[in-house]
Amino acid sequence: MNQGYALIFGDSSQLTNCLVRIHSRCLYGDALGSDDCDCGPELNLALDMIQREGRGVLIYLEQEGRGAGLVNKARAYQYSQDHGADTFDSYRRLGLPVDSRRYTGAAQALKDLGIDRIRLLTNNPDKVHDVRAAGLQVEMTSLWTLPRNRHVHRYLEAKRAHRGHVLPASWESYKWADRLIQAGALMVFGVSCAVLASFARSAILAVWERMSPTGEVPVGGFVAAAVGVAAMLGLVIGQRGSARWRLLKGRLASRFAFLRLG
């Protein structure tokens, strides 16, 4: 295998048809949380899905910058910022191959583990082609996250346009679905707090009267304040970036597969 690492999750004898992520290193996205690409969120979601299933393989390849290396990647990013070009055009104008990565070594590593059939977490048809060419049966399993900002949106559009990645032609339906999920979650949380507050009303009032024995007890105002504080705490610790949230949005993506118009 070209330089990289294979991380095995679960029983190594039960990996047939498991989830596999072949991920090329991205220092900016994986380690530094860059807002210019989707590499970090994709890796997080892939690991969440593998952990949820209890078995799978992550192959982490030293193929920074689509195989051009970190220095050339930084040069291309700088060119993109200075000239408004996407990264693929920047690579071309700098005389770099737009994508020199290869995945046959990763496929061979999977075969060495005794795996002959996998569900590959990717949107990249070239990756699927390379792994199939090495003799593995591959089911392409979509893996993408909603673009966090316009930079990631442009990056994903460039991958779809230049390299044929299987991504939505429009993100609007997914964005609205994401907003509805957030609104629904907040509504359920608020209603739950209100129900709990009503059940605990007598205890709450007793505590309130002890804290303020000379004042009147505004029951409705207190309950509303309690629900509001609980909702704010829920938002703070509500784990927008948690594994559960990423999995929920990952499942949403799979439910709306019919919207993926290449």
C-alpha atoms as a PDB file:
ATOM      1  CA  MET A   1       0.000   0.000   0.000  1.00  0.00           C
ATOM      2  CA  ASN A   2       1.213   3.517  -0.720  1.00  0.00           C
ATOM      3  CA  GLN A   3       2.157   5.198   2.552  1.00  0.00           C
ATOM      4  CA  GLY A   4      -0.689   5.173   4.980  1.00  0.00           C
ATOM      5  CA  TYR A   5      -2.373   3.357   7.816  1.00  0.00           C
ATOM      6  CA  ALA A   6      -5.222   0.881   8.179  1.00  0.00           C
ATOM      7  CA  LEU A   7      -7.371   1.199  11.299  1.00  0.00           C
ATOM      8  CA  ILE A   8      -9.598  -1.809  11.958  1.00  0.00           C
ATOM      9  CA  PHE A   9     -12.734  -1.473  14.064  1.00  0.00           C
ATOM     10  CA  GLY A  10     -14.438  -4.541  15.494  1.00  0.00           C
ATOM     11  CA  ASP A  11     -13.639  -8.211  15.007  1.00  0.00           C
ATOM     12  CA  SER A  12     -11.129  -8.555  12.166  1.00  0.00           C
ATOM     13  CA  SER A  13     -12.751 -11.862  11.164  1.00  0.00           C
ATOM     14  CA  GLN A  14     -16.148 -10.172  10.625  1.00  0.00           C
ATOM     15  CA  LEU A  15     -15.229  -7.494   8.085  1.00  0.00           C
ATOM     16  CA  THR A  16     -16.830  -8.861   4.915  1.00  0.00           C
ATOM     17  CA  ASN A  17     -19.169  -6.238   3.442  1.00  0.00           C
ATOM     18  CA  CYS A  18     -18.239  -3.771   6.170  1.00  0.00           C
ATOM     19  CA  LEU A  19     -18.092   0.004   5.848  1.00  0.00           C
ATOM     20  CA  VAL A  20     -14.746   1.247   4.569  1.00  0.00           C
ATOM     21  CA  ARG A  21     -13.446   4.788   4.340  1.00  0.00           C
ATOM     22  CA  ILE A  22     -10.331   5.391   2.234  1.00  0.00           C
ATOM     23  CA  HIS A  23      -9.303   8.893   3.256  1.00  0.00           C
ATOM     24  CA  SER A  24      -6.441  10.985   1.913  1.00  0.00           C
ATOM     25  CA  ARG A  25      -4.763  13.113   4.527  1.00  0.00           C
ATOM     26  CA  CYS A  26      -5.816  16.757   4.745  1.00  0.00           C
ATOM     27  CA  LEU A  27      -3.908  18.684   7.386  1.00  0.00           C
ATOM     28  CA  TYR A  28      -6.070  21.768   6.932  1.00  0.00           C
ATOM     29  CA  GLY A  29      -9.408  19.965   7.221  1.00  0.00           C
ATOM     30  CA  ASP A  30      -8.655  16.959   9.437  1.00  0.00           C
ATOM     31  CA  ALA A  31      -6.449  18.651  12.048  1.00  0.00           C
ATOM     32  CA  LEU A  32      -6.970  22.413  11.728  1.00  0.00           C
ATOM     33  CA  GLY A  33     -10.712  22.509  11.037  1.00  0.00           C
ATOM     34  CA  SER A  34     -10.406  24.474   7.791  1.00  0.00           C
ATOM     35  CA  ASP A  35     -13.539  26.157   6.449  1.00  0.00           C
ATOM     36  CA  ASP A  36     -12.330  25.736   2.857  1.00  0.00           C
ATOM     37  CA  CYS A  37     -13.055  22.011   2.382  1.00  0.00           C
ATOM     38  CA  ASP A  38     -15.253  19.175   3.639  1.00  0.00           C
ATOM     39  CA  CYS A  39     -12.464  16.728   4.514  1.00  0.00           C
ATOM     40  CA  GLY A  40     -12.732  16.994   8.298  1.00  0.00           C
ATOM     41  CA  PRO A  41     -16.531  16.659   8.497  1.00  0.00           C
ATOM     42  CA  GLU A  42     -16.446  13.750   6.033  1.00  0.00           C
ATOM     43  CA  LEU A  43     -13.859  11.917   8.125  1.00  0.00           C
ATOM     44  CA  ASN A  44     -15.845  12.537  11.315  1.00  0.00           C
ATOM     45  CA  LEU A  45     -19.062  11.276   9.758  1.00  0.00           C
ATOM     46  CA  ALA A  46     -17.346   8.178   8.340  1.00  0.00           C
ATOM     47  CA  LEU A  47     -15.909   7.291  11.753  1.00  0.00           C
ATOM     48  CA  ASP A  48     -19.299   7.868  13.384  1.00  0.00           C
ATOM     49  CA  MET A  49     -20.968   5.506  10.903  1.00  0.00           C
ATOM     50  CA  ILE A  50     -18.294   2.826  11.376  1.00  0.00           C
ATOM     51  CA  GLN A  51     -18.475   3.075  15.153  1.00  0.00           C
ATOM     52  CA  ARG A  52     -22.261   2.945  15.054  1.00  0.00           C
ATOM     53  CA  GLU A  53     -22.146  -0.272  13.041  1.00  0.00           C
ATOM     54  CA  GLY A  54     -19.470  -1.732  15.293  1.00  0.00           C
ATOM     55  CA  ARG A  55     -17.123  -2.826  12.532  1.00  0.00           C
ATOM     56  CA  GLY A  56     -15.283  -1.354   9.585  1.00  0.00           C
ATOM     57  CA  VAL A  57     -11.977  -0.083   8.272  1.00  0.00           C
ATOM     58  CA  LEU A  58     -10.436   3.352   7.901  1.00  0.00           C
ATOM     59  CA  ILE A  59      -7.490   3.560   5.532  1.00  0.00           C
ATOM     60  CA  TYR A  60      -5.703   6.874   6.004  1.00  0.00           C
ATOM     61  CA  LEU A  61      -3.406   7.630   3.078  1.00  0.00           C
ATOM     62  CA  GLU A  62      -0.493  10.070   2.928  1.00  0.00           C
ATOM     63  CA  GLN A  63      -1.808  11.725  -0.249  1.00  0.00           C
ATOM     64  CA  GLU A  64      -2.007  15.367   0.827  1.00  0.00           C
ATOM     65  CA  GLY A  65      -3.232  17.856  -1.743  1.00  0.00           C
ATOM     66  CA  ARG A  66      -4.713  15.221  -4.089  1.00  0.00           C
ATOM     67  CA  GLY A  67      -1.253  13.676  -4.275  1.00  0.00           C
ATOM     68  CA  ALA A  68       0.605  16.933  -5.005  1.00  0.00           C
ATOM     69  CA  GLY A  69       1.850  17.384  -1.438  1.00  0.00           C
ATOM     70  CA  LEU A  70       1.209  19.959   1.247  1.00  0.00           C
ATOM     71  CA  VAL A  71       3.450  22.685  -0.199  1.00  0.00           C
ATOM     72  CA  ASN A  72       1.803  22.544  -3.625  1.00  0.00           C
ATOM     73  CA  LYS A  73      -1.583  22.426  -1.987  1.00  0.00           C
ATOM     74  CA  ALA A  74      -0.757  25.631  -0.105  1.00  0.00           C
ATOM     75  CA  ARG A  75       0.411  27.241  -3.365  1.00  0.00           C
ATOM     76  CA  ALA A  76      -2.860  26.291  -5.063  1.00  0.00           C
ATOM     77  CA  TYR A  77      -4.911  27.650  -2.167  1.00  0.00           C
ATOM     78  CA  GLN A  78      -3.026  30.929  -2.355  1.00  0.00           C
ATOM     79  CA  TYR A  79      -3.588  31.110  -6.111  1.00  0.00           C
ATOM     80  CA  SER A  80      -7.304  30.437  -5.611  1.00  0.00           C
ATOM     81  CA  GLN A  81      -7.562  33.240  -3.065  1.00  0.00           C
ATOM     82  CA  ASP A  82      -5.655  35.703  -5.262  1.00  0.00           C
ATOM     83  CA  HIS A  83      -7.424  34.923  -8.543  1.00  0.00           C
ATOM     84  CA  GLY A  84     -10.856  33.607  -7.514  1.00  0.00           C
ATOM     85  CA  ALA A  85     -10.258  30.240  -9.200  1.00  0.00           C
ATOM     86  CA  ASP A  86     -11.361  26.909  -7.799  1.00  0.00           C
ATOM     87  CA  THR A  87      -8.636  24.535  -6.649  1.00  0.00           C
ATOM     88  CA  PHE A  88      -8.803  22.382  -9.784  1.00  0.00           C
ATOM     89  CA  ASP A  89      -8.175  25.363 -12.054  1.00  0.00           C
ATOM     90  CA  SER A  90      -5.454  26.572  -9.699  1.00  0.00           C
ATOM     91  CA  TYR A  91      -3.657  23.232  -9.936  1.00  0.00           C
ATOM     92  CA  ARG A  92      -3.781  23.362 -13.724  1.00  0.00           C
ATOM     93  CA  ARG A  93      -2.501  26.947 -13.937  1.00  0.00           C
ATOM     94  CA  LEU A  94       0.374  26.051 -11.626  1.00  0.00           C
ATOM     95  CA  GLY A  95       1.260  23.072 -13.828  1.00  0.00           C
ATOM     96  CA  LEU A  96       0.204  20.493 -11.254  1.00  0.00           C
ATOM     97  CA  PRO A  97      -1.836  17.319 -11.882  1.00  0.00           C
ATOM     98  CA  VAL A  98      -5.360  17.981 -10.632  1.00  0.00           C
ATOM     99  CA  ASP A  99      -5.498  14.586  -8.927  1.00  0.00           C
ATOM    100  CA  SER A 100      -2.631  12.089  -8.889  1.00  0.00           C
ATOM    101  CA  ARG A 101      -3.980   9.944  -6.061  1.00  0.00           C
ATOM    102  CA  ARG A 102      -4.208   6.165  -6.424  1.00  0.00           C
ATOM    103  CA  TYR A 103      -6.207   3.708  -4.377  1.00  0.00           C
ATOM    104  CA  THR A 104      -5.068   0.308  -5.634  1.00  0.00           C
ATOM    105  CA  GLY A 105      -2.637  -0.016  -2.712  1.00  0.00           C
ATOM    106  CA  ALA A 106      -5.472   0.582  -0.275  1.00  0.00           C
ATOM    107  CA  ALA A 107      -7.537  -2.050  -2.082  1.00  0.00           C
ATOM    108  CA  GLN A 108      -4.666  -4.531  -1.784  1.00  0.00           C
ATOM    109  CA  ALA A 109      -4.447  -3.842   1.949  1.00  0.00           C
ATOM    110  CA  LEU A 110      -8.143  -4.707   2.238  1.00  0.00           C
ATOM    111  CA  LYS A 111      -7.578  -7.935   0.327  1.00  0.00           C
ATOM    112  CA  ASP A 112      -4.671  -8.769   2.652  1.00  0.00           C
ATOM    113  CA  LEU A 113      -7.157  -8.464   5.519  1.00  0.00           C
ATOM    114  CA  GLY A 114      -9.268 -11.136   3.853  1.00  0.00           C
ATOM    115  CA  ILE A 115     -11.951  -8.710   2.672  1.00  0.00           C
ATOM    116  CA  ASP A 116     -13.421  -9.234  -0.799  1.00  0.00           C
ATOM    117  CA  ARG A 117     -16.616  -7.144  -0.548  1.00  0.00           C
ATOM    118  CA  ILE A 118     -17.051  -3.693   0.968  1.00  0.00           C
ATOM    119  CA  ARG A 119     -19.400  -0.740   1.260  1.00  0.00           C
ATOM    120  CA  LEU A 120     -17.141   2.148   0.344  1.00  0.00           C
ATOM    121  CA  LEU A 121     -17.932   5.487   1.969  1.00  0.00           C
ATOM    122  CA  THR A 122     -17.251   7.913  -0.848  1.00  0.00           C
ATOM    123  CA  ASN A 123     -18.710  10.173  -3.524  1.00  0.00           C
ATOM    124  CA  ASN A 124     -15.669   9.780  -5.775  1.00  0.00           C
ATOM    125  CA  PRO A 125     -16.219   7.471  -8.787  1.00  0.00           C
ATOM    126  CA  ASP A 126     -12.452   7.278  -9.450  1.00  0.00           C
ATOM    127  CA  LYS A 127     -11.941   5.770  -6.030  1.00  0.00           C
ATOM    128  CA  VAL A 128     -14.648   3.176  -6.668  1.00  0.00           C
ATOM    129  CA  HIS A 129     -13.110   2.344 -10.064  1.00  0.00           C
ATOM    130  CA  ASP A 130      -9.613   1.814  -8.600  1.00  0.00           C
ATOM    131  CA  VAL A 131     -10.853  -0.454  -5.826  1.00  0.00           C
ATOM    132  CA  ARG A 132     -12.997  -2.493  -8.188  1.00  0.00           C
ATOM    133  CA  ALA A 133     -10.084  -2.798 -10.603  1.00  0.00           C
ATOM    134  CA  ALA A 134      -8.102  -4.445  -7.806  1.00  0.00           C
ATOM    135  CA  GLY A 135     -10.708  -7.218  -7.626  1.00  0.00           C
ATOM    136  CA  LEU A 136     -12.991  -6.174  -4.791  1.00  0.00           C
ATOM    137  CA  GLN A 137     -16.764  -6.009  -4.940  1.00  0.00           C
ATOM    138  CA  VAL A 138     -17.737  -2.455  -4.094  1.00  0.00           C
ATOM    139  CA  GLU A 139     -21.044  -0.895  -3.114  1.00  0.00           C
ATOM    140  CA  MET A 140     -20.709   2.866  -3.310  1.00  0.00           C
ATOM    141  CA  THR A 141     -22.160   4.380  -0.122  1.00  0.00           C
ATOM    142  CA  SER A 142     -22.659   8.117  -0.287  1.00  0.00           C
ATOM    143  CA  LEU A 143     -20.810  10.229   2.264  1.00  0.00           C
ATOM    144  CA  TRP A 144     -21.223  13.978   2.327  1.00  0.00           C
ATOM    145  CA  THR A 145     -22.161  16.730   4.721  1.00  0.00           C
ATOM    146  CA  LEU A 146     -23.968  20.009   4.132  1.00  0.00           C
ATOM    147  CA  PRO A 147     -21.558  22.800   3.141  1.00  0.00           C
ATOM    148  CA  ARG A 148     -20.874  24.982   6.172  1.00  0.00           C
ATOM    149  CA  ASN A 149     -20.258  28.139   4.157  1.00  0.00           C
ATOM    150  CA  ARG A 150     -19.882  29.463   0.606  1.00  0.00           C
ATOM    151  CA  HIS A 151     -16.233  28.345   0.407  1.00  0.00           C
ATOM    152  CA  VAL A 152     -17.132  24.702   1.042  1.00  0.00           C
ATOM    153  CA  HIS A 153     -20.120  25.055  -1.289  1.00  0.00           C
ATOM    154  CA  ARG A 154     -17.825  26.214  -4.133  1.00  0.00           C
ATOM    155  CA  TYR A 155     -15.369  23.421  -3.326  1.00  0.00           C
ATOM    156  CA  LEU A 156     -18.077  20.755  -3.535  1.00  0.00           C
ATOM    157  CA  GLU A 157     -19.448  22.226  -6.748  1.00  0.00           C
ATOM    158  CA  ALA A 158     -15.947  22.085  -8.237  1.00  0.00           C
ATOM    159  CA  LYS A 159     -15.584  18.413  -7.281  1.00  0.00           C
ATOM    160  CA  ARG A 160     -18.918  17.637  -8.902  1.00  0.00           C
ATOM    161  CA  ALA A 161     -18.138  19.615 -12.066  1.00  0.00           C
ATOM    162  CA  HIS A 162     -14.486  18.641 -12.587  1.00  0.00           C
ATOM    163  CA  ARG A 163     -14.296  15.085 -11.258  1.00  0.00           C
ATOM    164  CA  GLY A 164     -17.866  13.785 -11.417  1.00  0.00           C
ATOM    165  CA  HIS A 165     -18.358  13.348  -7.684  1.00  0.00           C
ATOM    166  CA  VAL A 166     -21.837  12.098  -6.864  1.00  0.00           C
ATOM    167  CA  LEU A 167     -23.198  15.157  -5.065  1.00  0.00           C
ATOM    168  CA  PRO A 168     -26.507  17.021  -5.127  1.00  0.00           C
ATOM    169  CA  ALA A 169     -27.039  19.458  -7.975  1.00  0.00           C
ATOM    170  CA  SER A 170     -28.836  21.681  -5.462  1.00  0.00           C
ATOM    171  CA  TRP A 171     -28.363  21.863  -1.711  1.00  0.00           C
ATOM    172  CA  GLU A 172     -31.487  23.869  -0.929  1.00  0.00           C
ATOM    173  CA  SER A 173     -33.747  20.896  -0.130  1.00  0.00           C
ATOM    174  CA  TYR A 174     -31.147  19.513   2.261  1.00  0.00           C
ATOM    175  CA  LYS A 175     -30.610  22.884   3.928  1.00  0.00           C
ATOM    176  CA  TRP A 176     -34.330  23.275   4.547  1.00  0.00           C
ATOM    177  CA  ALA A 177     -34.581  19.717   5.836  1.00  0.00           C
ATOM    178  CA  ASP A 178     -31.664  20.439   8.170  1.00  0.00           C
ATOM    179  CA  ARG A 179     -33.416  23.570   9.468  1.00  0.00           C
ATOM    180  CA  LEU A 180     -36.643  21.620  10.013  1.00  0.00           C
ATOM    181  CA  ILE A 181     -34.770  18.984  11.998  1.00  0.00           C
ATOM    182  CA  GLN A 182     -33.239  21.699  14.185  1.00  0.00           C
ATOM    183  CA  ALA A 183     -36.596  23.405  14.693  1.00  0.00           C
ATOM    184  CA  GLY A 184     -38.284  20.092  15.477  1.00  0.00           C
ATOM    185  CA  ALA A 185     -35.581  19.140  17.958  1.00  0.00           C
ATOM    186  CA  LEU A 186     -35.899  22.498  19.739  1.00  0.00           C
ATOM    187  CA  MET A 187     -39.683  22.192  19.823  1.00  0.00           C
ATOM    188  CA  VAL A 188     -39.556  18.701  21.330  1.00  0.00           C
ATOM    189  CA  PHE A 189     -36.972  19.868  23.843  1.00  0.00           C
ATOM    190  CA  GLY A 190     -39.064  22.897  24.842  1.00  0.00           C
ATOM    191  CA  VAL A 191     -42.270  20.887  25.208  1.00  0.00           C
ATOM    192  CA  SER A 192     -40.429  18.284  27.284  1.00  0.00           C
ATOM    193  CA  CYS A 193     -39.131  21.009  29.592  1.00  0.00           C
ATOM    194  CA  ALA A 194     -42.634  22.436  29.970  1.00  0.00           C
ATOM    195  CA  VAL A 195     -44.087  19.025  30.807  1.00  0.00           C
ATOM    196  CA  LEU A 196     -41.356  18.363  33.356  1.00  0.00           C
ATOM    197  CA  ALA A 197     -41.876  21.805  34.877  1.00  0.00           C
ATOM    198  CA  SER A 198     -45.615  21.162  35.265  1.00  0.00           C
ATOM    199  CA  PHE A 199     -44.993  17.834  37.007  1.00  0.00           C
ATOM    200  CA  ALA A 200     -42.442  19.439  39.330  1.00  0.00           C
ATOM    201  CA  ARG A 201     -44.511  22.546  39.920  1.00  0.00           C
ATOM    202  CA  SER A 202     -45.099  22.077  43.646  1.00  0.00           C
ATOM    203  CA  ALA A 203     -41.432  21.411  44.341  1.00  0.00           C
ATOM    204  CA  ILE A 204     -40.377  24.366  42.201  1.00  0.00           C
ATOM    205  CA  LEU A 205     -42.790  26.699  44.001  1.00  0.00           C
ATOM    206  CA  ALA A 206     -41.615  25.505  47.411  1.00  0.00           C
ATOM    207  CA  VAL A 207     -37.999  26.244  46.501  1.00  0.00           C
ATOM    208  CA  TRP A 208     -38.962  29.602  45.018  1.00  0.00           C
ATOM    209  CA  GLU A 209     -40.904  30.616  48.180  1.00  0.00           C
ATOM    210  CA  ARG A 210     -37.969  29.696  50.403  1.00  0.00           C
ATOM    211  CA  MET A 211     -35.623  31.771  48.272  1.00  0.00           C
ATOM    212  CA  SER A 212     -38.056  34.718  48.178  1.00  0.00           C
ATOM    213  CA  PRO A 213     -40.403  34.439  51.185  1.00  0.00           C
ATOM    214  CA  THR A 214     -41.715  38.000  51.016  1.00  0.00           C
ATOM    215  CA  GLY A 215     -42.354  38.201  47.299  1.00  0.00           C
ATOM    216  CA  GLU A 216     -45.207  36.970  45.179  1.00  0.00           C
ATOM    217  CA  VAL A 217     -44.636  33.889  43.042  1.00  0.00           C
ATOM    218  CA  PRO A 218     -45.248  34.538  39.324  1.00  0.00           C
ATOM    219  CA  VAL A 219     -45.967  30.936  38.384  1.00  0.00           C
ATOM    220  CA  GLY A 220     -46.304  31.377  34.648  1.00  0.00           C
ATOM    221  CA  GLY A 221     -43.269  33.625  34.429  1.00  0.00           C
ATOM    222  CA  PHE A 222     -41.173  31.238  36.470  1.00  0.00           C
ATOM    223  CA  VAL A 223     -42.113  28.236  34.342  1.00  0.00           C
ATOM    224  CA  ALA A 224     -41.428  30.198  31.141  1.00  0.00           C
ATOM    225  CA  ALA A 225     -38.045  31.311  32.496  1.00  0.00           C
ATOM    226  CA  ALA A 226     -37.173  27.748  33.499  1.00  0.00           C
ATOM    227  CA  VAL A 227     -38.033  26.458  30.036  1.00  0.00           C
ATOM    228  CA  GLY A 228     -36.034  29.263  28.398  1.00  0.00           C
ATOM    229  CA  VAL A 229     -32.950  28.626  30.523  1.00  0.00           C
ATOM    230  CA  ALA A 230     -33.187  24.885  29.902  1.00  0.00           C
ATOM    231  CA  ALA A 231     -33.512  25.474  26.162  1.00  0.00           C
ATOM    232  CA  MET A 232     -30.454  27.771  26.150  1.00  0.00           C
ATOM    233  CA  LEU A 233     -28.447  25.189  28.072  1.00  0.00           C
ATOM    234  CA  GLY A 234     -29.616  22.575  25.598  1.00  0.00           C
ATOM    235  CA  LEU A 235     -28.325  24.697  22.731  1.00  0.00           C
ATOM    236  CA  VAL A 236     -24.973  25.275  24.425  1.00  0.00           C
ATOM    237  CA  ILE A 237     -24.397  21.615  25.212  1.00  0.00           C
ATOM    238  CA  GLY A 238     -26.793  20.352  22.552  1.00  0.00           C
ATOM    239  CA  GLN A 239     -23.928  19.096  20.493  1.00  0.00           C
ATOM    240  CA  ARG A 240     -24.468  20.514  17.050  1.00  0.00           C
ATOM    241  CA  GLY A 241     -21.265  18.724  16.076  1.00  0.00           C
ATOM    242  CA  SER A 242     -21.883  15.574  18.069  1.00  0.00           C
ATOM    243  CA  ALA A 243     -21.715  12.081  16.628  1.00  0.00           C
ATOM    244  CA  ARG A 244     -25.484  11.680  17.048  1.00  0.00           C
ATOM    245  CA  TRP A 245     -26.182  14.903  15.129  1.00  0.00           C
ATOM    246  CA  ARG A 246     -23.805  13.972  12.313  1.00  0.00           C
ATOM    247  CA  LEU A 247     -25.381  10.523  12.063  1.00  0.00           C
ATOM    248  CA  LEU A 248     -28.852  12.051  11.969  1.00  0.00           C
ATOM    249  CA  LYS A 249     -27.851  14.292   9.077  1.00  0.00           C
ATOM    250  CA  GLY A 250     -26.066  11.390   7.404  1.00  0.00           C
ATOM    251  CA  ARG A 251     -29.265   9.357   7.555  1.00  0.00           C
ATOM    252  CA  LEU A 252     -31.178  12.321   6.174  1.00  0.00           C
ATOM    253  CA  ALA A 253     -28.830  12.372   3.190  1.00  0.00           C
ATOM    254  CA  SER A 254     -29.441   8.694   2.478  1.00  0.00           C
ATOM    255  CA  ARG A 255     -33.227   9.137   2.760  1.00  0.00           C
ATOM    256  CA  PHE A 256     -33.154  11.797   0.060  1.00  0.00           C
ATOM    257  CA  ALA A 257     -30.937   9.883  -2.347  1.00  0.00           C
ATOM    258  CA  PHE A 258     -33.326  10.577  -5.195  1.00  0.00           C
ATOM    259  CA  LEU A 259     -32.273  14.237  -5.084  1.00  0.00           C
ATOM    260  CA  ARG A 260     -28.698  13.400  -6.003  1.00  0.00           C
ATOM    261  CA  LEU A 261     -28.654  14.524  -9.578  1.00  0.00           C
ATOM    262  CA  GLY A 262     -25.083  14.110 -10.833  1.00  0.00           C
END
